[in-house]
Amino acid sequence: MRTATRVLAAAVLILCAASCIGAKESDSRAGKPQVKVVAVNQRWHFVVLNFGSQQGAAVNTVMFLKRGDSQIAEVRISQVEASTAVANVVAGTLAGGFHLREGDRAIFPGS
C-alpha cells in the first residue's frame, strides 16, 4: 500500500507542477537549463523538478540541490515526464539544519 500511495503522491505533484511551470530559463554560461524544485514531499523525501525529457532529463541522473552557496542534498531522478521529473533524495546527503523547499536550485555535478 505504501508504494501505491507514493506513486499517487508523485503523480499528483507532477500534475500540479506541470500546470505551474512557465518558460524555462537557461544558464547562458553553460547552455544548460536552469533547474529548480517546483514541489517537495518531505515525508517521502522526493522533489519535483522543472526538468523533463524535453530538456534532456533521464532516469538515474544525479544532481545536487543548492540554496545560495550551500549544497543541501544530492538527488537521483527516478521518474521523468515531458516537462518535469521526480528525484529522490539520496540517503544521508541532506545537510543538517536544512529542509527542502520550492525554489531550491538543482545543478549537475561539476557545474
C-alpha atoms as a PDB file:
ATOM      1  CA  MET A   1       0.000   0.000   0.000  1.00  0.00           C
ATOM      2  CA  ARG A   2       2.857   2.414   0.738  1.00  0.00           C
ATOM      3  CA  THR A   3       4.208   2.079  -2.810  1.00  0.00           C
ATOM      4  CA  ALA A   4       0.772   2.852  -4.273  1.00  0.00           C
ATOM      5  CA  THR A   5       0.476   5.911  -2.030  1.00  0.00           C
ATOM      6  CA  ARG A   6       3.919   7.114  -3.073  1.00  0.00           C
ATOM      7  CA  VAL A   7       3.150   6.662  -6.786  1.00  0.00           C
ATOM      8  CA  LEU A   8      -0.134   8.506  -6.395  1.00  0.00           C
ATOM      9  CA  ALA A   9       1.559  11.349  -4.500  1.00  0.00           C
ATOM     10  CA  ALA A  10       4.226  11.619  -7.199  1.00  0.00           C
ATOM     11  CA  ALA A  11       1.596  11.716  -9.933  1.00  0.00           C
ATOM     12  CA  VAL A  12      -0.338  14.461  -8.164  1.00  0.00           C
ATOM     13  CA  LEU A  13       2.805  16.523  -7.633  1.00  0.00           C
ATOM     14  CA  ILE A  14       3.820  16.098 -11.278  1.00  0.00           C
ATOM     15  CA  LEU A  15       0.428  17.259 -12.498  1.00  0.00           C
ATOM     16  CA  CYS A  16       0.431  20.230 -10.118  1.00  0.00           C
ATOM     17  CA  ALA A  17       3.977  21.182 -11.026  1.00  0.00           C
ATOM     18  CA  ALA A  18       3.376  20.852 -14.750  1.00  0.00           C
ATOM     19  CA  SER A  19       0.476  23.268 -14.558  1.00  0.00           C
ATOM     20  CA  CYS A  20       2.579  25.994 -12.913  1.00  0.00           C
ATOM     21  CA  ILE A  21       5.747  25.731 -14.991  1.00  0.00           C
ATOM     22  CA  GLY A  22       6.346  28.560 -17.421  1.00  0.00           C
ATOM     23  CA  ALA A  23       9.086  29.020 -19.974  1.00  0.00           C
ATOM     24  CA  LYS A  24      12.412  27.596 -18.942  1.00  0.00           C
ATOM     25  CA  GLU A  25      15.318  29.908 -18.295  1.00  0.00           C
ATOM     26  CA  SER A  26      18.794  28.950 -19.402  1.00  0.00           C
ATOM     27  CA  ASP A  27      22.136  29.378 -17.762  1.00  0.00           C
ATOM     28  CA  SER A  28      23.712  31.239 -20.647  1.00  0.00           C
ATOM     29  CA  ARG A  29      27.202  30.446 -19.390  1.00  0.00           C
ATOM     30  CA  ALA A  30      26.787  26.693 -19.615  1.00  0.00           C
ATOM     31  CA  GLY A  31      23.939  26.391 -22.133  1.00  0.00           C
ATOM     32  CA  LYS A  32      22.067  24.146 -19.675  1.00  0.00           C
ATOM     33  CA  PRO A  33      18.533  24.683 -18.382  1.00  0.00           C
ATOM     34  CA  GLN A  34      18.127  26.357 -15.016  1.00  0.00           C
ATOM     35  CA  VAL A  35      16.571  23.568 -12.977  1.00  0.00           C
ATOM     36  CA  LYS A  36      14.513  24.328  -9.872  1.00  0.00           C
ATOM     37  CA  VAL A  37      12.476  22.430  -7.339  1.00  0.00           C
ATOM     38  CA  VAL A  38       8.794  23.112  -8.025  1.00  0.00           C
ATOM     39  CA  ALA A  39       7.284  20.774  -5.405  1.00  0.00           C
ATOM     40  CA  VAL A  40       8.532  18.930  -2.309  1.00  0.00           C
ATOM     41  CA  ASN A  41       7.349  15.858  -0.451  1.00  0.00           C
ATOM     42  CA  GLN A  42       9.136  15.958   2.908  1.00  0.00           C
ATOM     43  CA  ARG A  43       7.573  12.708   4.120  1.00  0.00           C
ATOM     44  CA  TRP A  44       8.768  10.574   1.197  1.00  0.00           C
ATOM     45  CA  HIS A  45      11.989  12.568   0.607  1.00  0.00           C
ATOM     46  CA  PHE A  46      11.455  13.481  -3.029  1.00  0.00           C
ATOM     47  CA  VAL A  47      11.170  16.619  -5.110  1.00  0.00           C
ATOM     48  CA  VAL A  48       9.640  17.525  -8.452  1.00  0.00           C
ATOM     49  CA  LEU A  49      11.953  19.417 -10.802  1.00  0.00           C
ATOM     50  CA  ASN A  50      11.047  21.672 -13.734  1.00  0.00           C
ATOM     51  CA  PHE A  51      13.250  19.467 -15.890  1.00  0.00           C
ATOM     52  CA  GLY A  52      11.792  16.732 -18.060  1.00  0.00           C
ATOM     53  CA  SER A  53      12.510  14.639 -21.113  1.00  0.00           C
ATOM     54  CA  GLN A  54      12.053  17.682 -23.362  1.00  0.00           C
ATOM     55  CA  GLN A  55      15.059  19.247 -21.603  1.00  0.00           C
ATOM     56  CA  GLY A  56      17.129  16.053 -21.552  1.00  0.00           C
ATOM     57  CA  ALA A  57      16.246  14.581 -18.144  1.00  0.00           C
ATOM     58  CA  ALA A  58      16.875  10.866 -17.740  1.00  0.00           C
ATOM     59  CA  VAL A  59      16.220   8.311 -15.004  1.00  0.00           C
ATOM     60  CA  ASN A  60      19.197   7.829 -12.647  1.00  0.00           C
ATOM     61  CA  THR A  61      20.662  11.282 -13.374  1.00  0.00           C
ATOM     62  CA  VAL A  62      22.304  12.620 -10.209  1.00  0.00           C
ATOM     63  CA  MET A  63      22.005  16.310  -9.326  1.00  0.00           C
ATOM     64  CA  PHE A  64      22.847  18.465  -6.329  1.00  0.00           C
ATOM     65  CA  LEU A  65      20.301  20.748  -4.669  1.00  0.00           C
ATOM     66  CA  LYS A  66      21.632  24.136  -3.654  1.00  0.00           C
ATOM     67  CA  ARG A  67      20.307  27.163  -1.818  1.00  0.00           C
ATOM     68  CA  GLY A  68      22.537  30.164  -2.204  1.00  0.00           C
ATOM     69  CA  ASP A  69      26.096  28.861  -1.985  1.00  0.00           C
ATOM     70  CA  SER A  70      25.165  25.875   0.186  1.00  0.00           C
ATOM     71  CA  GLN A  71      24.775  22.374  -1.167  1.00  0.00           C
ATOM     72  CA  ILE A  72      21.830  20.928   0.721  1.00  0.00           C
ATOM     73  CA  ALA A  73      21.280  17.465  -0.781  1.00  0.00           C
ATOM     74  CA  GLU A  74      22.026  15.042  -3.568  1.00  0.00           C
ATOM     75  CA  VAL A  75      19.091  13.686  -5.591  1.00  0.00           C
ATOM     76  CA  ARG A  76      18.677  10.955  -8.184  1.00  0.00           C
ATOM     77  CA  ILE A  77      15.955  11.229 -10.844  1.00  0.00           C
ATOM     78  CA  SER A  78      13.551   8.300 -10.568  1.00  0.00           C
ATOM     79  CA  GLN A  79      10.729   9.282 -12.910  1.00  0.00           C
ATOM     80  CA  VAL A  80      10.643  11.528 -15.986  1.00  0.00           C
ATOM     81  CA  GLU A  81       7.725  13.214 -17.740  1.00  0.00           C
ATOM     82  CA  ALA A  82       7.805  15.657 -20.667  1.00  0.00           C
ATOM     83  CA  SER A  83       8.444  18.796 -18.588  1.00  0.00           C
ATOM     84  CA  THR A  84       9.043  17.502 -15.062  1.00  0.00           C
ATOM     85  CA  ALA A  85      10.986  14.851 -13.175  1.00  0.00           C
ATOM     86  CA  VAL A  86      10.691  13.267  -9.746  1.00  0.00           C
ATOM     87  CA  ALA A  87      14.004  12.986  -7.893  1.00  0.00           C
ATOM     88  CA  ASN A  88      14.593  11.083  -4.657  1.00  0.00           C
ATOM     89  CA  VAL A  89      16.952  12.431  -2.025  1.00  0.00           C
ATOM     90  CA  VAL A  90      19.977  10.135  -1.760  1.00  0.00           C
ATOM     91  CA  ALA A  91      20.052   8.724   1.778  1.00  0.00           C
ATOM     92  CA  GLY A  92      22.432  10.521   4.107  1.00  0.00           C
ATOM     93  CA  THR A  93      23.003  13.553   1.873  1.00  0.00           C
ATOM     94  CA  LEU A  94      20.547  16.100   3.321  1.00  0.00           C
ATOM     95  CA  ALA A  95      22.676  18.713   5.084  1.00  0.00           C
ATOM     96  CA  GLY A  96      21.960  19.238   8.767  1.00  0.00           C
ATOM     97  CA  GLY A  97      19.565  22.060   9.557  1.00  0.00           C
ATOM     98  CA  PHE A  98      18.095  22.197   6.052  1.00  0.00           C
ATOM     99  CA  HIS A  99      14.665  21.261   4.760  1.00  0.00           C
ATOM    100  CA  LEU A 100      13.970  21.006   1.055  1.00  0.00           C
ATOM    101  CA  ARG A 101      11.761  23.739  -0.364  1.00  0.00           C
ATOM    102  CA  GLU A 102      10.353  25.029  -3.615  1.00  0.00           C
ATOM    103  CA  GLY A 103      12.811  27.260  -5.429  1.00  0.00           C
ATOM    104  CA  ASP A 104      15.943  25.321  -4.456  1.00  0.00           C
ATOM    105  CA  ARG A 105      18.263  25.006  -7.473  1.00  0.00           C
ATOM    106  CA  ALA A 106      19.305  21.668  -8.916  1.00  0.00           C
ATOM    107  CA  ILE A 107      22.702  21.583 -10.583  1.00  0.00           C
ATOM    108  CA  PHE A 108      24.668  18.951 -12.429  1.00  0.00           C
ATOM    109  CA  PRO A 109      27.848  17.583 -10.809  1.00  0.00           C
ATOM    110  CA  GLY A 110      30.793  19.671 -11.931  1.00  0.00           C
ATOM    111  CA  SER A 111      28.687  22.772 -12.609  1.00  0.00           C
END
